[in-house]
Amino acid sequence: MALHVHEHCHKMATREDGTPWWAAFPEPVSAVNRIEPGQVLELLEAHDGDEPRDFLIVDARRADCTGGTVASAINLPAHSFYPTRRVLYDLCKRAGIKRVIFYCGSSNGRGPRCAAWMQDYANEVGGHLQSHVMTGGIRGWVQAYGGRMMDAYDEQAWQKRQMESE
């Protein structure tokens, strides 16, 4: 089954010499745990306050990180994630984070790859951190919820993307 890859996603995934950005890093071994956008929404709504969270949301997009992010997500671009996964793991451990949820544009490439690398590292060090990828990515989120529970939501950016994909 061939996946449709958006032109800007293909551009983000390819280095100047034509090789994919991830070619410099080892292939992930772990299977990716999937989490539905509705489950992420429930987590956000249940922790919408001052109490500490036990989950972290990571947006793995790079230059295509427009239109907003899922509320409270941090942006750690996929192309620089592998070398920093140890630091993220350590920060999560110290903060009591038990689950890291990754996403990218559609969660078909960068998000799942980063989630698998994070799970590989957690397994390697014998940690209890669980790594997930949000099904459908930010596009799926916006399709389901529009700007609900998003930071810096830009409706015009999403309308432009919709017109470009038609």
N, C-alpha and C. Protein backbone atom coordinates (compact mmCIF):
# COMPACT_ATOMS: atom_id res chain seq x y z
N MET A 1 0.84 -1.18 0.00
CA MET A 1 0.00 0.00 0.00
C MET A 1 0.89 1.24 0.00
N ALA A 2 0.74 2.07 -0.97
CA ALA A 2 1.54 3.28 -1.07
C ALA A 2 0.89 4.40 -0.28
N LEU A 3 1.70 5.10 0.48
CA LEU A 3 1.21 6.25 1.25
C LEU A 3 1.37 7.51 0.43
N HIS A 4 0.38 8.38 0.51
CA HIS A 4 0.50 9.68 -0.14
C HIS A 4 1.39 10.56 0.73
N VAL A 5 2.42 11.09 0.14
CA VAL A 5 3.33 11.98 0.87
C VAL A 5 3.17 13.38 0.29
N HIS A 6 2.78 14.31 1.15
CA HIS A 6 2.64 15.69 0.71
C HIS A 6 3.99 16.21 0.23
N GLU A 7 3.96 17.09 -0.76
CA GLU A 7 5.20 17.61 -1.34
C GLU A 7 6.09 18.27 -0.29
N HIS A 8 5.50 19.08 0.61
CA HIS A 8 6.33 19.74 1.62
C HIS A 8 6.88 18.72 2.62
N CYS A 9 6.15 17.63 2.86
CA CYS A 9 6.66 16.58 3.75
C CYS A 9 7.85 15.88 3.10
N HIS A 10 7.74 15.62 1.80
CA HIS A 10 8.85 14.99 1.09
C HIS A 10 10.08 15.89 1.13
N LYS A 11 9.87 17.19 0.93
CA LYS A 11 10.98 18.14 0.96
C LYS A 11 11.63 18.15 2.35
N MET A 12 10.83 18.12 3.41
CA MET A 12 11.36 18.13 4.77
C MET A 12 12.11 16.83 5.07
N ALA A 13 11.74 15.75 4.38
CA ALA A 13 12.33 14.44 4.67
C ALA A 13 13.59 14.14 3.89
N THR A 14 13.95 15.01 2.96
CA THR A 14 15.08 14.74 2.09
C THR A 14 16.18 15.78 2.25
N ARG A 15 17.41 15.28 2.40
CA ARG A 15 18.56 16.19 2.47
C ARG A 15 18.95 16.61 1.05
N GLU A 16 19.84 17.58 0.96
CA GLU A 16 20.25 18.10 -0.34
C GLU A 16 20.81 17.02 -1.27
N ASP A 17 21.46 16.01 -0.70
CA ASP A 17 22.03 14.96 -1.54
C ASP A 17 21.01 13.89 -1.93
N GLY A 18 19.75 14.09 -1.54
CA GLY A 18 18.68 13.17 -1.92
C GLY A 18 18.40 12.06 -0.93
N THR A 19 19.25 11.92 0.09
CA THR A 19 19.02 10.87 1.09
C THR A 19 18.03 11.37 2.14
N PRO A 20 17.27 10.46 2.73
CA PRO A 20 16.34 10.88 3.78
C PRO A 20 17.10 11.35 5.02
N TRP A 21 16.52 12.30 5.76
CA TRP A 21 17.17 12.86 6.94
C TRP A 21 17.51 11.79 7.97
N TRP A 22 16.71 10.75 8.07
CA TRP A 22 16.92 9.73 9.10
C TRP A 22 18.00 8.72 8.75
N ALA A 23 18.56 8.78 7.55
CA ALA A 23 19.57 7.80 7.12
C ALA A 23 20.82 7.83 7.99
N ALA A 24 21.09 8.96 8.66
CA ALA A 24 22.28 9.07 9.50
C ALA A 24 22.11 8.39 10.86
N PHE A 25 20.89 7.95 11.17
CA PHE A 25 20.60 7.36 12.49
C PHE A 25 20.16 5.91 12.34
N PRO A 26 20.28 5.13 13.42
CA PRO A 26 19.85 3.72 13.35
C PRO A 26 18.34 3.60 13.17
N GLU A 27 17.94 2.54 12.50
CA GLU A 27 16.51 2.27 12.36
C GLU A 27 15.94 1.93 13.73
N PRO A 28 14.78 2.47 14.07
CA PRO A 28 14.17 2.11 15.35
C PRO A 28 13.73 0.65 15.35
N VAL A 29 13.72 0.05 16.52
CA VAL A 29 13.37 -1.35 16.68
C VAL A 29 11.96 -1.49 17.26
N SER A 30 11.60 -0.64 18.17
CA SER A 30 10.33 -0.76 18.89
C SER A 30 9.13 -0.54 17.98
N ALA A 31 8.07 -1.28 18.27
CA ALA A 31 6.79 -1.04 17.62
C ALA A 31 6.21 0.25 18.20
N VAL A 32 5.50 0.97 17.38
CA VAL A 32 4.95 2.24 17.81
C VAL A 32 3.58 2.03 18.45
N ASN A 33 3.43 2.55 19.66
CA ASN A 33 2.13 2.55 20.33
C ASN A 33 1.33 3.71 19.78
N ARG A 34 0.12 3.47 19.35
CA ARG A 34 -0.72 4.53 18.79
C ARG A 34 -1.72 5.00 19.84
N ILE A 35 -2.03 6.29 19.77
CA ILE A 35 -3.03 6.88 20.64
C ILE A 35 -3.91 7.77 19.77
N GLU A 36 -5.20 7.67 19.95
CA GLU A 36 -6.14 8.43 19.15
C GLU A 36 -6.21 9.88 19.62
N PRO A 37 -6.48 10.82 18.71
CA PRO A 37 -6.61 12.22 19.12
C PRO A 37 -7.64 12.42 20.25
N GLY A 38 -8.71 11.66 20.23
CA GLY A 38 -9.72 11.77 21.28
C GLY A 38 -9.16 11.43 22.66
N GLN A 39 -8.26 10.47 22.72
CA GLN A 39 -7.62 10.12 23.99
C GLN A 39 -6.69 11.23 24.46
N VAL A 40 -6.00 11.86 23.50
CA VAL A 40 -5.11 12.98 23.84
C VAL A 40 -5.96 14.15 24.35
N LEU A 41 -7.07 14.41 23.68
CA LEU A 41 -7.98 15.47 24.12
C LEU A 41 -8.47 15.21 25.55
N GLU A 42 -8.83 13.98 25.84
CA GLU A 42 -9.26 13.62 27.21
C GLU A 42 -8.16 13.87 28.23
N LEU A 43 -6.92 13.50 27.89
CA LEU A 43 -5.80 13.76 28.79
C LEU A 43 -5.64 15.25 29.06
N LEU A 44 -5.70 16.04 27.98
CA LEU A 44 -5.54 17.49 28.13
C LEU A 44 -6.66 18.08 28.97
N GLU A 45 -7.88 17.68 28.72
CA GLU A 45 -9.02 18.22 29.47
C GLU A 45 -8.99 17.79 30.93
N ALA A 46 -8.52 16.59 31.20
CA ALA A 46 -8.44 16.09 32.58
C ALA A 46 -7.34 16.78 33.37
N HIS A 47 -6.33 17.31 32.68
CA HIS A 47 -5.19 17.95 33.35
C HIS A 47 -5.12 19.43 33.05
N ASP A 48 -6.25 20.04 32.78
CA ASP A 48 -6.28 21.47 32.45
C ASP A 48 -6.30 22.29 33.73
N GLY A 49 -5.14 22.43 34.34
CA GLY A 49 -5.03 23.17 35.59
C GLY A 49 -3.60 23.23 36.04
N ASP A 50 -3.42 23.46 37.33
CA ASP A 50 -2.08 23.62 37.88
C ASP A 50 -1.43 22.32 38.34
N GLU A 51 -2.20 21.24 38.34
CA GLU A 51 -1.62 19.97 38.81
C GLU A 51 -0.60 19.44 37.81
N PRO A 52 0.45 18.81 38.29
CA PRO A 52 1.48 18.27 37.39
C PRO A 52 0.90 17.17 36.49
N ARG A 53 1.39 17.13 35.28
CA ARG A 53 0.98 16.10 34.33
C ARG A 53 1.98 14.96 34.34
N ASP A 54 1.50 13.80 33.96
CA ASP A 54 2.40 12.66 33.82
C ASP A 54 2.62 12.32 32.35
N PHE A 55 2.27 13.25 31.46
CA PHE A 55 2.47 13.05 30.03
C PHE A 55 3.04 14.32 29.41
N LEU A 56 3.70 14.13 28.27
CA LEU A 56 4.30 15.23 27.52
C LEU A 56 3.91 15.03 26.06
N ILE A 57 3.56 16.12 25.38
CA ILE A 57 3.21 16.07 23.96
C ILE A 57 4.34 16.73 23.17
N VAL A 58 4.82 16.03 22.14
CA VAL A 58 5.94 16.52 21.33
C VAL A 58 5.51 16.64 19.87
N ASP A 59 5.64 17.84 19.34
CA ASP A 59 5.39 18.12 17.93
C ASP A 59 6.72 17.94 17.21
N ALA A 60 6.81 16.95 16.32
CA ALA A 60 8.07 16.62 15.65
C ALA A 60 8.24 17.32 14.31
N ARG A 61 7.36 18.29 14.03
CA ARG A 61 7.49 19.01 12.75
C ARG A 61 8.66 19.99 12.82
N ARG A 62 9.07 20.45 11.64
CA ARG A 62 10.18 21.38 11.54
C ARG A 62 9.68 22.67 10.91
N ALA A 63 10.07 22.98 9.71
CA ALA A 63 9.68 24.23 9.06
C ALA A 63 8.19 24.24 8.69
N ASP A 64 7.54 23.08 8.69
CA ASP A 64 6.12 23.02 8.38
C ASP A 64 5.26 23.15 9.63
N CYS A 65 5.85 23.61 10.69
CA CYS A 65 5.16 23.78 11.98
C CYS A 65 4.38 25.09 11.97
N THR A 66 3.35 25.14 11.15
CA THR A 66 2.51 26.32 11.06
C THR A 66 1.07 25.93 11.35
N GLY A 67 0.26 26.91 11.66
CA GLY A 67 -1.15 26.66 11.90
C GLY A 67 -1.48 26.36 13.34
N GLY A 68 -0.47 26.20 14.18
CA GLY A 68 -0.68 25.94 15.59
C GLY A 68 -0.22 24.55 16.00
N THR A 69 -0.25 24.33 17.29
CA THR A 69 0.16 23.04 17.86
C THR A 69 -0.91 22.57 18.83
N VAL A 70 -0.90 21.29 19.12
CA VAL A 70 -1.78 20.77 20.16
C VAL A 70 -1.39 21.49 21.46
N ALA A 71 -2.36 21.84 22.26
CA ALA A 71 -2.12 22.62 23.47
C ALA A 71 -0.98 22.03 24.30
N SER A 72 -0.06 22.85 24.69
CA SER A 72 1.08 22.56 25.56
C SER A 72 2.17 21.71 24.92
N ALA A 73 2.05 21.39 23.62
CA ALA A 73 3.08 20.58 22.96
C ALA A 73 4.37 21.37 22.86
N ILE A 74 5.48 20.66 22.99
CA ILE A 74 6.78 21.27 22.74
C ILE A 74 7.24 20.85 21.35
N ASN A 75 7.97 21.70 20.66
CA ASN A 75 8.44 21.41 19.32
C ASN A 75 9.87 20.91 19.38
N LEU A 76 10.04 19.63 19.06
CA LEU A 76 11.36 19.01 18.94
C LEU A 76 11.44 18.40 17.55
N PRO A 77 11.96 19.15 16.58
CA PRO A 77 11.97 18.64 15.20
C PRO A 77 12.63 17.27 15.08
N ALA A 78 12.02 16.42 14.29
CA ALA A 78 12.46 15.04 14.14
C ALA A 78 13.91 14.93 13.70
N HIS A 79 14.34 15.82 12.82
CA HIS A 79 15.70 15.70 12.28
C HIS A 79 16.78 15.89 13.33
N SER A 80 16.43 16.50 14.47
CA SER A 80 17.41 16.67 15.54
C SER A 80 17.06 15.86 16.79
N PHE A 81 16.03 15.03 16.70
CA PHE A 81 15.56 14.32 17.89
C PHE A 81 16.50 13.20 18.35
N TYR A 82 16.97 12.36 17.45
CA TYR A 82 17.74 11.19 17.86
C TYR A 82 18.89 11.53 18.81
N PRO A 83 19.72 12.52 18.51
CA PRO A 83 20.83 12.82 19.42
C PRO A 83 20.39 13.38 20.78
N THR A 84 19.16 13.86 20.87
CA THR A 84 18.70 14.48 22.13
C THR A 84 17.73 13.60 22.92
N ARG A 85 17.47 12.40 22.45
CA ARG A 85 16.48 11.54 23.13
C ARG A 85 16.89 11.21 24.56
N ARG A 86 18.18 11.08 24.82
CA ARG A 86 18.66 10.78 26.18
C ARG A 86 18.32 11.93 27.14
N VAL A 87 18.51 13.15 26.68
CA VAL A 87 18.22 14.32 27.50
C VAL A 87 16.72 14.40 27.77
N LEU A 88 15.91 14.18 26.73
CA LEU A 88 14.46 14.22 26.92
C LEU A 88 14.04 13.14 27.91
N TYR A 89 14.61 11.95 27.79
CA TYR A 89 14.27 10.87 28.72
C TYR A 89 14.60 11.28 30.16
N ASP A 90 15.79 11.83 30.35
CA ASP A 90 16.21 12.24 31.68
C ASP A 90 15.28 13.32 32.24
N LEU A 91 14.95 14.31 31.43
CA LEU A 91 14.03 15.36 31.87
C LEU A 91 12.66 14.79 32.23
N CYS A 92 12.18 13.87 31.42
CA CYS A 92 10.88 13.23 31.70
C CYS A 92 10.93 12.45 33.00
N LYS A 93 11.99 11.71 33.20
CA LYS A 93 12.14 10.91 34.42
C LYS A 93 12.13 11.82 35.65
N ARG A 94 12.87 12.90 35.60
CA ARG A 94 12.93 13.83 36.73
C ARG A 94 11.60 14.54 36.98
N ALA A 95 10.83 14.75 35.92
CA ALA A 95 9.55 15.47 36.04
C ALA A 95 8.37 14.55 36.32
N GLY A 96 8.61 13.24 36.38
CA GLY A 96 7.52 12.30 36.64
C GLY A 96 6.65 12.02 35.42
N ILE A 97 7.19 12.27 34.24
CA ILE A 97 6.47 12.00 33.00
C ILE A 97 6.54 10.49 32.73
N LYS A 98 5.38 9.90 32.51
CA LYS A 98 5.32 8.46 32.26
C LYS A 98 5.01 8.13 30.80
N ARG A 99 4.53 9.14 30.06
CA ARG A 99 4.12 8.91 28.68
C ARG A 99 4.49 10.12 27.84
N VAL A 100 5.12 9.86 26.67
CA VAL A 100 5.44 10.92 25.73
C VAL A 100 4.65 10.62 24.45
N ILE A 101 3.91 11.64 24.00
CA ILE A 101 3.04 11.49 22.83
C ILE A 101 3.61 12.36 21.71
N PHE A 102 4.00 11.73 20.63
CA PHE A 102 4.58 12.42 19.48
C PHE A 102 3.54 12.57 18.38
N TYR A 103 3.70 13.61 17.58
CA TYR A 103 2.94 13.74 16.35
C TYR A 103 3.73 14.59 15.37
N CYS A 104 3.35 14.49 14.11
CA CYS A 104 3.90 15.36 13.07
C CYS A 104 2.72 15.78 12.20
N GLY A 105 2.94 16.04 10.95
CA GLY A 105 1.85 16.49 10.10
C GLY A 105 0.72 15.48 9.99
N SER A 106 1.06 14.25 9.66
CA SER A 106 0.04 13.20 9.52
C SER A 106 0.37 11.96 10.36
N SER A 107 1.47 11.99 11.07
CA SER A 107 1.93 10.86 11.89
C SER A 107 2.14 9.59 11.07
N ASN A 108 2.73 9.79 9.89
CA ASN A 108 3.10 8.66 9.05
C ASN A 108 4.60 8.51 8.89
N GLY A 109 5.38 9.46 9.40
CA GLY A 109 6.83 9.39 9.21
C GLY A 109 7.61 9.85 10.42
N ARG A 110 7.69 11.16 10.59
CA ARG A 110 8.53 11.72 11.65
C ARG A 110 8.04 11.37 13.05
N GLY A 111 6.75 11.54 13.29
CA GLY A 111 6.20 11.24 14.62
C GLY A 111 6.43 9.79 15.04
N PRO A 112 6.04 8.83 14.19
CA PRO A 112 6.27 7.42 14.55
C PRO A 112 7.74 7.07 14.73
N ARG A 113 8.60 7.64 13.89
CA ARG A 113 10.04 7.36 13.99
C ARG A 113 10.58 7.86 15.34
N CYS A 114 10.21 9.08 15.72
CA CYS A 114 10.68 9.63 17.00
C CYS A 114 10.10 8.84 18.17
N ALA A 115 8.83 8.47 18.08
CA ALA A 115 8.21 7.67 19.14
C ALA A 115 8.93 6.34 19.31
N ALA A 116 9.28 5.71 18.21
CA ALA A 116 9.99 4.42 18.28
C ALA A 116 11.39 4.61 18.85
N TRP A 117 12.10 5.66 18.44
CA TRP A 117 13.43 5.92 19.00
C TRP A 117 13.34 6.17 20.51
N MET A 118 12.32 6.90 20.93
CA MET A 118 12.17 7.17 22.36
C MET A 118 11.90 5.87 23.12
N GLN A 119 11.04 5.01 22.55
CA GLN A 119 10.75 3.74 23.20
C GLN A 119 11.98 2.84 23.21
N ASP A 120 12.75 2.85 22.12
CA ASP A 120 14.00 2.08 22.08
C ASP A 120 14.90 2.49 23.24
N TYR A 121 15.05 3.79 23.44
CA TYR A 121 15.93 4.27 24.51
C TYR A 121 15.38 3.89 25.89
N ALA A 122 14.08 4.07 26.08
CA ALA A 122 13.48 3.69 27.38
C ALA A 122 13.69 2.20 27.64
N ASN A 123 13.52 1.38 26.63
CA ASN A 123 13.74 -0.07 26.78
C ASN A 123 15.20 -0.37 27.09
N GLU A 124 16.10 0.35 26.43
CA GLU A 124 17.54 0.14 26.61
C GLU A 124 17.97 0.40 28.05
N VAL A 125 17.42 1.45 28.66
CA VAL A 125 17.83 1.81 30.02
C VAL A 125 16.93 1.19 31.08
N GLY A 126 15.97 0.38 30.65
CA GLY A 126 15.09 -0.30 31.60
C GLY A 126 14.10 0.63 32.26
N GLY A 127 13.77 1.71 31.59
CA GLY A 127 12.83 2.68 32.16
C GLY A 127 11.38 2.29 31.92
N HIS A 128 10.51 3.05 32.56
CA HIS A 128 9.08 2.75 32.48
C HIS A 128 8.34 3.75 31.62
N LEU A 129 9.05 4.57 30.89
CA LEU A 129 8.44 5.56 30.01
C LEU A 129 7.78 4.86 28.83
N GLN A 130 6.57 5.29 28.50
CA GLN A 130 5.88 4.77 27.32
C GLN A 130 5.85 5.86 26.27
N SER A 131 6.11 5.46 25.05
CA SER A 131 6.14 6.39 23.93
C SER A 131 4.99 6.06 22.99
N HIS A 132 4.28 7.09 22.53
CA HIS A 132 3.13 6.91 21.66
C HIS A 132 3.23 7.87 20.47
N VAL A 133 2.47 7.58 19.43
CA VAL A 133 2.29 8.51 18.32
C VAL A 133 0.79 8.75 18.18
N MET A 134 0.43 10.03 18.00
CA MET A 134 -0.97 10.39 17.85
C MET A 134 -1.41 10.11 16.41
N THR A 135 -2.37 9.23 16.27
CA THR A 135 -2.90 8.85 14.97
C THR A 135 -3.42 10.07 14.21
N GLY A 136 -3.04 10.18 12.94
CA GLY A 136 -3.52 11.26 12.10
C GLY A 136 -2.74 12.55 12.19
N GLY A 137 -1.87 12.67 13.19
CA GLY A 137 -1.06 13.85 13.36
C GLY A 137 -1.88 15.12 13.57
N ILE A 138 -1.24 16.26 13.34
CA ILE A 138 -1.91 17.54 13.56
C ILE A 138 -3.04 17.73 12.54
N ARG A 139 -2.88 17.18 11.35
CA ARG A 139 -3.96 17.29 10.36
C ARG A 139 -5.21 16.57 10.86
N GLY A 140 -5.03 15.39 11.42
CA GLY A 140 -6.17 14.65 11.97
C GLY A 140 -6.82 15.39 13.13
N TRP A 141 -5.97 16.02 13.96
CA TRP A 141 -6.49 16.78 15.10
C TRP A 141 -7.37 17.93 14.60
N VAL A 142 -6.84 18.71 13.65
CA VAL A 142 -7.58 19.86 13.14
C VAL A 142 -8.86 19.41 12.44
N GLN A 143 -8.79 18.30 11.73
CA GLN A 143 -9.97 17.77 11.06
C GLN A 143 -11.05 17.41 12.08
N ALA A 144 -10.65 16.84 13.19
CA ALA A 144 -11.61 16.40 14.21
C ALA A 144 -12.07 17.53 15.13
N TYR A 145 -11.16 18.43 15.49
CA TYR A 145 -11.45 19.40 16.55
C TYR A 145 -11.26 20.86 16.16
N GLY A 146 -10.81 21.13 14.95
CA GLY A 146 -10.54 22.52 14.57
C GLY A 146 -9.49 23.09 15.51
N GLY A 147 -9.72 24.26 16.05
CA GLY A 147 -8.77 24.92 16.94
C GLY A 147 -8.93 24.57 18.41
N ARG A 148 -9.80 23.63 18.71
CA ARG A 148 -10.02 23.25 20.11
C ARG A 148 -8.74 22.66 20.73
N MET A 149 -8.40 23.16 21.90
CA MET A 149 -7.21 22.71 22.65
C MET A 149 -5.94 22.81 21.80
N MET A 150 -5.81 23.95 21.10
CA MET A 150 -4.60 24.21 20.33
C MET A 150 -4.00 25.53 20.78
N ASP A 151 -2.69 25.61 20.70
CA ASP A 151 -1.97 26.86 20.95
C ASP A 151 -1.64 27.47 19.59
N ALA A 152 -1.80 28.78 19.47
CA ALA A 152 -1.47 29.54 18.27
C ALA A 152 -2.21 29.03 17.04
N TYR A 153 -3.46 28.61 17.23
CA TYR A 153 -4.25 28.12 16.10
C TYR A 153 -4.45 29.23 15.08
N ASP A 154 -4.18 28.91 13.82
CA ASP A 154 -4.31 29.87 12.72
C ASP A 154 -5.22 29.25 11.66
N GLU A 155 -6.48 29.62 11.70
CA GLU A 155 -7.47 29.04 10.79
C GLU A 155 -7.10 29.29 9.33
N GLN A 156 -6.56 30.45 9.03
CA GLN A 156 -6.18 30.77 7.64
C GLN A 156 -5.09 29.83 7.13
N ALA A 157 -4.15 29.46 7.97
CA ALA A 157 -3.10 28.52 7.57
C ALA A 157 -3.70 27.17 7.20
N TRP A 158 -4.69 26.74 7.96
CA TRP A 158 -5.33 25.45 7.68
C TRP A 158 -6.19 25.52 6.43
N GLN A 159 -6.85 26.64 6.20
CA GLN A 159 -7.63 26.81 4.97
C GLN A 159 -6.70 26.79 3.76
N LYS A 160 -5.55 27.45 3.87
CA LYS A 160 -4.57 27.47 2.78
C LYS A 160 -4.07 26.05 2.50
N ARG A 161 -3.76 25.29 3.53
CA ARG A 161 -3.31 23.91 3.35
C ARG A 161 -4.38 23.08 2.66
N GLN A 162 -5.63 23.28 3.06
CA GLN A 162 -6.74 22.53 2.46
C GLN A 162 -6.82 22.84 0.97
N MET A 163 -6.70 24.10 0.61
CA MET A 163 -6.77 24.50 -0.81
C MET A 163 -5.59 23.92 -1.59
N GLU A 164 -4.40 23.88 -0.98
CA GLU A 164 -3.21 23.34 -1.66
C GLU A 164 -3.32 21.85 -1.90
N SER A 165 -4.04 21.13 -1.04
CA SER A 165 -4.12 19.68 -1.19
C SER A 165 -5.25 19.26 -2.12
N GLU A 166 -6.08 20.19 -2.55
CA GLU A 166 -7.19 19.85 -3.44
C GLU A 166 -6.76 19.80 -4.88
